[in-house]
């Protein structure tokens, strides 16, 4: 039997993504505050729940964040594909709310308007907002190892997962790169780090920490969203394995001397040839961004080849390695266009170059840059989909199911079923990620401390029996 800390081959993980969305309204005679658009979107939730912060029957959290940014936090998932499906379900939920808000505002303003929901990271005023990845990580991994071993991967990962941006300096790979200051820090706004150290594991704190990665862009491409989680998982496996064996990870040799300067430099060079200065004095010549990604790919491939248990379905790991290899080969050969069917920056750059060939000016290019991220009223990205020019590993039926159904193999199933059953009743109720409360004259509280536990304690089943809700996993 494994001890409490797990074995060297225990690579179980919980995945989640928090996405903040930008808002605007067109069709009015003057500026219309994003806050008023947000309140129109959340009006049905306020009427039903009396709040702009709710948990959904699919186990996710939907709320209105500071700056009038709607935010959707996916339910706990045990693999990248399930997490991706939850992300896409959140996009559908946002577009449904936007359509209801459009009808409501058009009626009240007396003219047709459009509500725009942007899955991007930068507004017209230069304010940045985020897409935060969450990974459950073995507590034995010290934070200095995250800075040394993971951050170089995250800095250079934008070669494949960047969303693209038409900046004053020209085209960049990443929307987030210019707004990041430190590698690992507890700050979130004053000095944005690439990895936030807030210690809120939502699990056994002696066993786990929740790694909060905020360096990544919001991707429109489902394949890119999936890839960034799958590849990051494999890199974390390498780090965890070394720390469990009380040895220094080989990846620590690639620690960056200045991660902030490096992330901005990589964003401005889509060839991957930019040389990054390393912290280790033995490698003063530095290494290219593409060379770093090659090193990470080789290490992850060796792990998958040698290790039977990699924490996710083997087919997902092999698929991630294959996509990674194809991307690196294409970039090395200067054929970035080969990636335009799943890498966002490449897809966007192809569209922008098409505009340029037709003689379009800067204004149209900037409009297309923004339109690419418009979930509710955009035309460029849906055009790519309709012409079969973008790939996705999940289909519409899976996404529609995930809008209502939580993952069945994590704590999210328990929360989602509770929300569904409690919402049908008359008693007051509330919940968060690890706590359920049924109010009234006989208040009942249930703790759910283990994110991997999809069956729940006996107290939970008693509560569900009282509510008349499901308490067994659905097929």
Protein backbone atom coordinates (compact mmCIF):
# COMPACT_ATOMS: atom_id res chain seq x y z
CA UNK A 1 0.00 0.00 0.00
CA UNK A 2 1.29 3.45 -0.88
CA UNK A 3 2.11 5.77 1.99
CA UNK A 4 0.34 9.06 2.51
CA UNK A 5 2.83 10.89 0.32
CA UNK A 6 2.28 8.55 -2.63
CA UNK A 7 4.82 6.64 -4.68
CA UNK A 8 7.36 7.77 -7.24
CA UNK A 9 4.93 6.81 -9.99
CA UNK A 10 1.93 8.64 -8.50
CA UNK A 11 1.34 11.37 -11.08
CA UNK A 12 -2.34 11.96 -10.36
CA UNK A 13 -3.35 15.54 -10.96
CA UNK A 14 -6.31 17.87 -10.88
CA UNK A 15 -6.58 20.36 -13.76
CA UNK A 16 -8.59 23.55 -13.96
CA UNK A 17 -8.67 26.85 -15.83
CA UNK A 18 -10.07 30.22 -14.74
CA UNK A 19 -10.90 32.48 -17.68
CA UNK A 20 -11.67 36.19 -17.45
CA UNK A 21 -13.58 37.69 -20.38
CA UNK A 22 -13.68 41.23 -21.75
CA UNK A 23 -16.98 42.95 -22.63
CA UNK A 24 -18.18 45.71 -24.89
CA UNK A 25 -21.36 46.87 -26.62
CA UNK A 26 -21.77 48.26 -30.15
CA UNK A 27 -24.81 49.79 -31.83
CA UNK A 28 -25.29 52.63 -29.33
CA UNK A 29 -24.76 56.30 -30.05
CA UNK A 30 -22.06 56.71 -27.42
CA UNK A 31 -19.78 54.79 -25.06
CA UNK A 32 -21.51 52.18 -22.94
CA UNK A 33 -19.81 51.11 -19.72
CA UNK A 34 -18.64 47.52 -19.52
CA UNK A 35 -20.16 47.33 -16.05
CA UNK A 36 -23.66 47.93 -17.46
CA UNK A 37 -23.09 45.23 -20.08
CA UNK A 38 -21.90 42.85 -17.35
CA UNK A 39 -24.97 43.51 -15.21
CA UNK A 40 -27.22 42.87 -18.21
CA UNK A 41 -25.47 39.54 -18.76
CA UNK A 42 -25.76 38.55 -15.10
CA UNK A 43 -29.34 39.82 -14.71
CA UNK A 44 -30.91 36.32 -15.03
CA UNK A 45 -28.54 34.98 -12.37
CA UNK A 46 -29.24 37.86 -10.01
CA UNK A 47 -32.99 37.35 -10.45
CA UNK A 48 -32.70 33.64 -9.74
CA UNK A 49 -29.91 33.48 -7.17
CA UNK A 50 -29.59 37.04 -5.87
CA UNK A 51 -25.86 36.95 -6.60
CA UNK A 52 -23.22 37.44 -9.30
CA UNK A 53 -21.17 34.59 -7.80
CA UNK A 54 -22.66 31.12 -8.23
CA UNK A 55 -21.73 27.48 -8.65
CA UNK A 56 -23.33 25.60 -11.52
CA UNK A 57 -24.78 22.10 -11.91
CA UNK A 58 -21.73 21.18 -14.00
CA UNK A 59 -19.52 21.85 -10.95
CA UNK A 60 -18.02 25.10 -12.28
CA UNK A 61 -18.03 28.56 -10.75
CA UNK A 62 -19.39 31.59 -12.63
CA UNK A 63 -18.92 35.06 -11.23
CA UNK A 64 -18.35 38.72 -11.97
CA UNK A 65 -14.77 39.67 -11.20
CA UNK A 66 -13.30 43.11 -10.55
CA UNK A 67 -13.23 45.41 -13.55
CA UNK A 68 -16.55 44.02 -14.84
CA UNK A 69 -14.92 40.87 -16.16
CA UNK A 70 -17.16 37.79 -16.21
CA UNK A 71 -15.09 34.82 -15.04
CA UNK A 72 -15.65 31.11 -15.43
CA UNK A 73 -13.66 28.62 -13.36
CA UNK A 74 -13.91 25.04 -14.58
CA UNK A 75 -14.82 22.15 -12.34
CA UNK A 76 -12.03 19.86 -11.17
CA UNK A 77 -10.88 17.53 -13.95
CA UNK A 78 -8.46 14.61 -13.81
CA UNK A 79 -7.14 14.97 -17.35
CA UNK A 80 -6.57 17.76 -19.89
CA UNK A 81 -9.31 16.61 -22.28
CA UNK A 82 -12.01 16.75 -19.61
CA UNK A 83 -10.71 20.16 -18.51
CA UNK A 84 -10.82 21.40 -22.10
CA UNK A 85 -14.43 20.27 -22.48
CA UNK A 86 -15.28 22.23 -19.34
CA UNK A 87 -13.53 25.32 -20.76
CA UNK A 88 -15.56 25.11 -23.96
CA UNK A 89 -18.76 24.59 -21.96
CA UNK A 90 -17.94 27.85 -20.19
CA UNK A 91 -17.62 29.62 -23.54
CA UNK A 92 -21.09 28.38 -24.53
CA UNK A 93 -22.53 29.53 -21.22
CA UNK A 94 -20.98 32.98 -21.75
CA UNK A 95 -22.35 33.28 -25.29
CA UNK A 96 -25.82 32.23 -24.11
CA UNK A 97 -25.75 34.94 -21.43
CA UNK A 98 -24.51 37.46 -24.01
CA UNK A 99 -27.39 36.64 -26.37
CA UNK A 100 -29.94 37.12 -23.59
CA UNK A 101 -28.28 40.41 -22.68
CA UNK A 102 -28.32 41.51 -26.33
CA UNK A 103 -32.08 41.01 -26.55
CA UNK A 104 -32.68 42.74 -23.23
CA UNK A 105 -30.50 45.76 -24.08
CA UNK A 106 -31.88 46.09 -27.61
CA UNK A 107 -35.38 46.22 -26.20
CA UNK A 108 -34.50 48.74 -23.50
CA UNK A 109 -32.38 50.97 -25.72
CA UNK A 110 -34.87 50.87 -28.56
CA UNK A 111 -32.29 49.88 -31.18
CA UNK A 112 -30.45 46.71 -32.16
CA UNK A 113 -27.11 46.29 -30.38
CA UNK A 114 -24.37 43.68 -30.21
CA UNK A 115 -22.82 42.33 -27.02
CA UNK A 116 -19.20 41.34 -27.49
CA UNK A 117 -17.53 38.80 -25.19
CA UNK A 118 -13.79 38.65 -25.76
CA UNK A 119 -11.74 35.56 -24.92
CA UNK A 120 -8.50 37.54 -24.91
CA UNK A 121 -6.18 39.20 -22.39
CA UNK A 122 -6.03 42.88 -23.29
CA UNK A 123 -8.60 45.64 -23.69
CA UNK A 124 -8.49 48.83 -25.77
CA UNK A 125 -7.28 50.85 -22.76
CA UNK A 126 -4.25 48.59 -22.30
CA UNK A 127 -5.59 46.77 -19.23
CA UNK A 128 -4.54 43.12 -19.03
CA UNK A 129 -6.65 40.29 -17.64
CA UNK A 130 -5.89 36.65 -17.31
CA UNK A 131 -6.32 33.01 -18.09
CA UNK A 132 -5.15 31.11 -15.02
CA UNK A 133 -4.20 27.45 -15.15
CA UNK A 134 -4.38 25.37 -11.98
CA UNK A 135 -2.49 22.14 -11.38
CA UNK A 136 -2.50 20.09 -8.19
CA UNK A 137 1.17 19.56 -7.35
CA UNK A 138 3.04 17.37 -4.87
CA UNK A 139 3.82 19.45 -1.77
CA UNK A 140 7.39 18.14 -1.76
CA UNK A 141 8.20 20.27 -4.80
CA UNK A 142 9.77 23.49 -3.44
CA UNK A 143 8.85 26.76 -5.08
CA UNK A 144 12.45 27.47 -6.07
CA UNK A 145 12.29 24.35 -8.25
CA UNK A 146 9.21 25.78 -9.96
CA UNK A 147 11.14 28.94 -10.75
CA UNK A 148 14.19 27.05 -11.99
CA UNK A 149 12.54 24.13 -13.82
CA UNK A 150 9.01 25.12 -14.88
CA UNK A 151 9.32 28.83 -15.66
CA UNK A 152 11.74 28.36 -18.61
CA UNK A 153 9.21 25.97 -20.12
CA UNK A 154 6.36 28.43 -19.59
CA UNK A 155 8.37 31.33 -21.02
CA UNK A 156 9.15 29.41 -24.23
CA UNK A 157 5.80 27.56 -24.43
CA UNK A 158 4.31 30.65 -26.08
CA UNK A 159 6.03 29.55 -29.30
CA UNK A 160 3.15 27.09 -29.53
CA UNK A 161 0.42 28.35 -27.20
CA UNK A 162 0.58 32.13 -27.72
CA UNK A 163 -2.68 33.73 -28.83
CA UNK A 164 -0.98 36.40 -30.95
CA UNK A 165 -1.18 40.16 -30.68
CA UNK A 166 -0.85 43.10 -33.04
CA UNK A 167 1.12 45.46 -30.79
CA UNK A 168 2.59 48.93 -31.43
CA UNK A 169 5.93 47.14 -31.85
CA UNK A 170 4.56 44.75 -34.45
CA UNK A 171 3.14 41.24 -34.23
CA UNK A 172 3.84 39.35 -31.01
CA UNK A 173 3.25 35.73 -30.05
CA UNK A 174 1.73 36.44 -26.64
CA UNK A 175 -0.85 38.86 -25.30
CA UNK A 176 0.40 38.43 -21.73
CA UNK A 177 4.16 38.69 -22.16
CA UNK A 178 4.48 42.48 -21.89
CA UNK A 179 2.53 42.52 -18.61
CA UNK A 180 4.56 40.00 -16.62
CA UNK A 181 7.28 41.10 -14.23
CA UNK A 182 8.44 38.26 -12.01
CA UNK A 183 8.82 34.50 -12.29
CA UNK A 184 7.28 33.30 -9.00
CA UNK A 185 5.56 35.64 -6.55
CA UNK A 186 2.49 36.14 -4.36
CA UNK A 187 1.58 39.38 -6.18
CA UNK A 188 -1.24 39.49 -8.73
CA UNK A 189 -1.70 43.10 -9.86
CA UNK A 190 1.14 45.34 -8.64
CA UNK A 191 3.83 43.07 -10.14
CA UNK A 192 2.35 40.22 -12.11
CA UNK A 193 4.26 36.95 -11.77
CA UNK A 194 4.21 34.00 -14.16
CA UNK A 195 3.38 31.65 -11.30
CA UNK A 196 1.42 32.88 -8.29
CA UNK A 197 2.35 31.36 -4.93
CA UNK A 198 -0.92 31.76 -3.08
CA UNK A 199 -1.18 28.64 -0.93
CA UNK A 200 -4.79 27.54 -1.34
CA UNK A 201 -4.63 23.86 -2.32
CA UNK A 202 -8.36 23.11 -1.78
CA UNK A 203 -7.04 19.67 -0.80
CA UNK A 204 -4.89 18.09 1.92
CA UNK A 205 -2.32 20.85 2.50
CA UNK A 206 0.31 18.39 3.76
CA UNK A 207 0.08 16.40 0.53
CA UNK A 208 -0.66 19.00 -2.14
CA UNK A 209 -0.24 22.56 -3.25
CA UNK A 210 -2.26 24.20 -6.05
CA UNK A 211 0.06 25.57 -8.71
CA UNK A 212 -1.47 28.78 -10.05
CA UNK A 213 0.00 29.53 -13.50
CA UNK A 214 -0.92 32.97 -14.86
CA UNK A 215 1.58 33.39 -17.68
CA UNK A 216 -0.61 31.84 -20.39
CA UNK A 217 -2.84 33.48 -22.97
CA UNK A 218 -6.52 32.72 -23.44
CA UNK A 219 -6.64 30.44 -26.47
CA UNK A 220 -9.44 30.28 -29.01
CA UNK A 221 -8.00 27.07 -30.41
CA UNK A 222 -9.26 24.08 -28.37
CA UNK A 223 -6.24 22.08 -29.46
CA UNK A 224 -3.89 24.74 -28.08
CA UNK A 225 -5.79 24.90 -24.76
CA UNK A 226 -5.56 21.13 -24.45
CA UNK A 227 -1.90 21.03 -25.46
CA UNK A 228 -0.76 23.60 -22.91
CA UNK A 229 -2.32 21.56 -20.09
CA UNK A 230 -1.07 18.19 -21.35
CA UNK A 231 2.51 19.37 -21.95
CA UNK A 232 2.66 21.25 -18.65
CA UNK A 233 1.49 18.09 -16.87
CA UNK A 234 4.37 16.11 -18.36
CA UNK A 235 6.92 18.73 -17.30
CA UNK A 236 5.47 18.75 -13.76
CA UNK A 237 5.84 14.96 -13.70
CA UNK A 238 9.57 15.36 -14.36
CA UNK A 239 9.91 17.85 -11.51
CA UNK A 240 7.85 15.77 -9.08
CA UNK A 241 9.76 12.60 -9.85
CA UNK A 242 13.10 14.24 -9.08
CA UNK A 243 11.86 15.82 -5.86
CA UNK A 244 10.37 12.54 -4.63
CA UNK A 245 13.74 10.93 -5.20
CA UNK A 246 15.50 13.76 -3.31
CA UNK A 247 17.58 14.74 -6.30
CA UNK A 248 18.08 17.96 -8.18
CA UNK A 249 16.03 17.94 -11.41
CA UNK A 250 18.13 18.05 -14.57
CA UNK A 251 15.78 20.78 -15.79
CA UNK A 252 17.29 23.15 -13.20
CA UNK A 253 20.25 23.59 -15.57
CA UNK A 254 17.96 25.69 -17.76
CA UNK A 255 17.01 28.29 -15.13
CA UNK A 256 16.72 31.73 -16.74
CA UNK A 257 18.79 34.67 -15.59
CA UNK A 258 15.95 37.14 -16.23
CA UNK A 259 12.56 35.45 -16.89
CA UNK A 260 10.78 38.79 -17.39
CA UNK A 261 13.14 39.90 -20.14
CA UNK A 262 13.07 36.40 -21.64
CA UNK A 263 9.28 36.18 -21.91
CA UNK A 264 9.16 39.52 -23.75
CA UNK A 265 12.01 38.56 -26.05
CA UNK A 266 10.40 35.25 -27.02
CA UNK A 267 7.11 36.99 -27.71
CA UNK A 268 8.81 39.20 -30.30
CA UNK A 269 10.57 36.42 -32.23
CA UNK A 270 8.33 33.82 -33.84
CA UNK A 271 11.35 31.95 -35.22
CA UNK A 272 12.34 30.78 -31.74
CA UNK A 273 15.97 31.70 -32.47
CA UNK A 274 16.25 34.43 -29.82
CA UNK A 275 19.01 33.56 -27.34
CA UNK A 276 18.05 33.54 -23.66
CA UNK A 277 20.59 34.12 -20.95
CA UNK A 278 20.76 31.33 -18.39
CA UNK A 279 21.39 31.61 -14.68
CA UNK A 280 24.05 28.86 -14.62
CA UNK A 281 27.52 30.24 -15.19
CA UNK A 282 28.49 27.07 -17.06
CA UNK A 283 26.10 28.03 -19.85
CA UNK A 284 26.96 31.69 -20.28
CA UNK A 285 26.40 31.46 -24.02
CA UNK A 286 22.69 30.95 -23.38
CA UNK A 287 20.26 28.88 -25.38
CA UNK A 288 17.57 29.62 -27.96
CA UNK A 289 13.88 29.50 -27.07
CA UNK A 290 13.46 26.70 -29.58
CA UNK A 291 16.42 24.86 -28.06
CA UNK A 292 14.81 25.01 -24.62
CA UNK A 293 11.58 23.56 -25.97
CA UNK A 294 13.58 20.80 -27.65
CA UNK A 295 15.19 19.97 -24.31
CA UNK A 296 11.83 19.79 -22.55
CA UNK A 297 10.34 17.65 -25.32
CA UNK A 298 13.22 15.18 -25.13
CA UNK A 299 12.97 14.90 -21.34
CA UNK A 300 9.19 14.39 -21.46
CA UNK A 301 9.44 11.80 -24.21
CA UNK A 302 12.01 9.85 -22.17
CA UNK A 303 9.68 9.94 -19.16
CA UNK A 304 6.70 8.65 -21.17
CA UNK A 305 8.85 5.94 -22.74
CA UNK A 306 10.19 4.77 -19.38
CA UNK A 307 7.26 5.35 -17.01
CA UNK A 308 4.12 3.24 -17.12
CA UNK A 309 2.08 5.56 -14.90
CA UNK A 310 2.02 9.14 -16.19
CA UNK A 311 -1.14 10.30 -14.44
CA UNK A 312 -3.29 10.69 -17.57
CA UNK A 313 -4.41 8.36 -20.31
CA UNK A 314 -1.39 7.33 -22.33
CA UNK A 315 -3.03 8.30 -25.61
CA UNK A 316 -3.23 11.92 -24.45
CA UNK A 317 0.45 11.97 -23.50
CA UNK A 318 1.48 10.46 -26.84
CA UNK A 319 -0.73 12.90 -28.72
CA UNK A 320 0.80 15.84 -26.85
CA UNK A 321 4.32 14.65 -27.68
CA UNK A 322 3.36 14.23 -31.35
CA UNK A 323 1.85 17.71 -31.65
CA UNK A 324 4.82 19.17 -29.80
CA UNK A 325 7.27 17.45 -32.16
CA UNK A 326 5.42 18.61 -35.27
CA UNK A 327 5.34 22.19 -33.95
CA UNK A 328 9.04 22.26 -33.13
CA UNK A 329 9.96 20.81 -36.52
CA UNK A 330 7.80 23.36 -38.33
CA UNK A 331 9.28 26.27 -36.38
CA UNK A 332 12.82 24.99 -36.90
CA UNK A 333 12.20 24.84 -40.66
CA UNK A 334 10.59 28.30 -40.74
CA UNK A 335 7.20 26.83 -41.74
CA UNK A 336 5.00 28.50 -39.13
CA UNK A 337 2.09 28.41 -41.60
CA UNK A 338 1.93 24.63 -41.09
CA UNK A 339 0.67 25.31 -37.56
CA UNK A 340 -2.19 27.63 -38.53
CA UNK A 341 -4.83 24.92 -38.06
CA UNK A 342 -4.33 24.78 -34.28
CA UNK A 343 -1.79 27.36 -33.06
CA UNK A 344 -3.65 30.61 -32.44
CA UNK A 345 -0.89 33.09 -33.25
CA UNK A 346 -0.22 31.32 -36.55
CA UNK A 347 -3.91 31.28 -37.48
CA UNK A 348 -4.24 34.98 -36.64
CA UNK A 349 -1.05 35.94 -38.47
CA UNK A 350 -2.25 34.12 -41.59
CA UNK A 351 -5.48 36.14 -41.48
CA UNK A 352 -3.59 39.40 -40.94
CA UNK A 353 -1.25 38.69 -43.84
CA UNK A 354 -4.27 37.99 -46.03
CA UNK A 355 -5.66 41.41 -45.12
CA UNK A 356 -2.34 43.03 -45.89
CA UNK A 357 -2.20 41.45 -49.35
CA UNK A 358 -5.60 42.99 -50.07
CA UNK A 359 -4.27 46.42 -49.15
CA UNK A 360 -6.09 46.78 -45.82
CA UNK A 361 -4.78 49.38 -43.40
CA UNK A 362 -3.89 49.30 -39.72
CA UNK A 363 -7.46 49.97 -38.56
CA UNK A 364 -8.83 46.86 -40.27
CA UNK A 365 -5.92 44.79 -38.99
CA UNK A 366 -6.60 45.91 -35.42
CA UNK A 367 -10.30 45.16 -35.84
CA UNK A 368 -9.51 41.65 -37.06
CA UNK A 369 -7.07 41.14 -34.19
CA UNK A 370 -9.90 41.82 -31.73
CA UNK A 371 -12.61 40.07 -33.74
CA UNK A 372 -10.63 36.82 -33.60
CA UNK A 373 -11.35 36.68 -29.85
CA UNK A 374 -15.03 37.69 -29.97
CA UNK A 375 -17.07 34.69 -28.75
CA UNK A 376 -20.51 36.19 -29.24
CA UNK A 377 -20.32 38.40 -32.35
CA UNK A 378 -17.00 37.65 -34.01
CA UNK A 379 -16.73 36.45 -37.60
CA UNK A 380 -13.08 35.58 -38.25
CA UNK A 381 -12.68 32.57 -35.93
CA UNK A 382 -16.10 31.06 -36.80
CA UNK A 383 -15.08 31.49 -40.44
CA UNK A 384 -12.02 29.34 -39.84
CA UNK A 385 -14.21 26.69 -38.21
CA UNK A 386 -16.80 26.70 -41.01
CA UNK A 387 -14.07 26.22 -43.61
CA UNK A 388 -12.47 23.37 -41.69
CA UNK A 389 -9.32 25.38 -41.01
CA UNK A 390 -9.17 24.85 -37.23
CA UNK A 391 -8.97 21.55 -35.33
CA UNK A 392 -10.65 20.53 -32.08
CA UNK A 393 -10.31 17.30 -30.07
CA UNK A 394 -13.91 17.51 -28.77
CA UNK A 395 -17.26 17.82 -30.54
CA UNK A 396 -20.39 19.86 -29.96
CA UNK A 397 -22.28 17.06 -28.21
CA UNK A 398 -19.54 16.68 -25.62
CA UNK A 399 -19.54 20.42 -25.00
CA UNK A 400 -23.32 20.61 -24.61
CA UNK A 401 -23.21 17.74 -22.14
CA UNK A 402 -20.48 19.47 -20.12
CA UNK A 403 -22.63 22.61 -19.81
CA UNK A 404 -24.88 20.68 -17.43
CA UNK A 405 -22.90 17.62 -16.31
CA UNK A 406 -19.80 17.75 -14.11
CA UNK A 407 -16.81 15.44 -14.49
CA UNK A 408 -17.82 12.12 -12.96
CA UNK A 409 -14.45 11.14 -11.48
CA UNK A 410 -13.72 14.12 -9.18
CA UNK A 411 -15.28 16.04 -6.31
CA UNK A 412 -17.05 18.15 -8.95
CA UNK A 413 -19.66 15.40 -9.36
CA UNK A 414 -20.68 15.76 -5.72
CA UNK A 415 -20.89 19.55 -5.89
CA UNK A 416 -22.73 19.57 -9.21
CA UNK A 417 -25.34 17.05 -8.08
CA UNK A 418 -25.84 19.00 -4.84
CA UNK A 419 -26.34 22.29 -6.72
CA UNK A 420 -28.85 20.67 -9.07
CA UNK A 421 -30.86 19.07 -6.28
CA UNK A 422 -30.70 22.04 -3.89
CA UNK A 423 -31.74 24.43 -6.64
CA UNK A 424 -34.99 22.50 -7.06
CA UNK A 425 -35.81 22.75 -3.35
CA UNK A 426 -37.05 25.54 -1.14
CA UNK A 427 -34.34 25.65 1.52
CA UNK A 428 -31.47 28.08 1.37
CA UNK A 429 -28.14 26.64 0.35
CA UNK A 430 -24.59 27.60 -0.51
CA UNK A 431 -21.35 25.94 -1.49
CA UNK A 432 -17.77 26.48 -2.47
CA UNK A 433 -15.10 24.19 -3.89
CA UNK A 434 -14.87 21.98 -0.81
CA UNK A 435 -17.88 22.80 1.36
CA UNK A 436 -21.66 22.31 1.00
CA UNK A 437 -24.28 23.97 3.21
CA UNK A 438 -28.02 23.35 3.34
CA UNK A 439 -29.70 26.02 5.43
CA UNK A 440 -33.01 26.21 7.23
CA UNK A 441 -34.10 25.09 10.68
CA UNK A 442 -31.86 22.01 10.46
CA UNK A 443 -28.62 23.31 8.97
CA UNK A 444 -26.44 20.63 7.39
CA UNK A 445 -22.80 21.12 6.39
CA UNK A 446 -20.62 18.67 4.47
CA UNK A 447 -16.90 18.99 3.87
CA UNK A 448 -15.38 17.56 0.68
CA UNK A 449 -11.62 17.86 1.29
CA UNK A 450 -10.40 15.41 -1.36
CA UNK A 451 -10.69 16.63 -4.98
CA UNK A 452 -10.17 13.06 -6.26
CA UNK A 453 -13.08 11.70 -4.21
CA UNK A 454 -16.11 11.37 -6.50
CA UNK A 455 -18.12 9.11 -4.16
CA UNK A 456 -18.32 11.31 -1.08
CA UNK A 457 -18.68 10.62 2.66
CA UNK A 458 -21.78 9.04 4.17
CA UNK A 459 -22.91 12.46 5.40
CA UNK A 460 -23.03 13.65 1.80
CA UNK A 461 -25.24 10.73 0.75
CA UNK A 462 -27.60 11.38 3.64
CA UNK A 463 -27.87 14.98 2.52
CA UNK A 464 -28.58 13.95 -1.07
CA UNK A 465 -31.17 11.40 0.02
CA UNK A 466 -32.93 14.18 1.90
CA UNK A 467 -32.86 16.38 -1.22
CA UNK A 468 -33.91 13.53 -3.47
CA UNK A 469 -30.88 14.08 -5.74
CA UNK A 470 -28.49 11.73 -7.49
CA UNK A 471 -25.69 10.30 -5.37
CA UNK A 472 -24.23 7.69 -7.73
CA UNK A 473 -21.95 8.46 -10.68
CA UNK A 474 -23.73 8.67 -14.00
CA UNK A 475 -22.63 6.37 -16.79
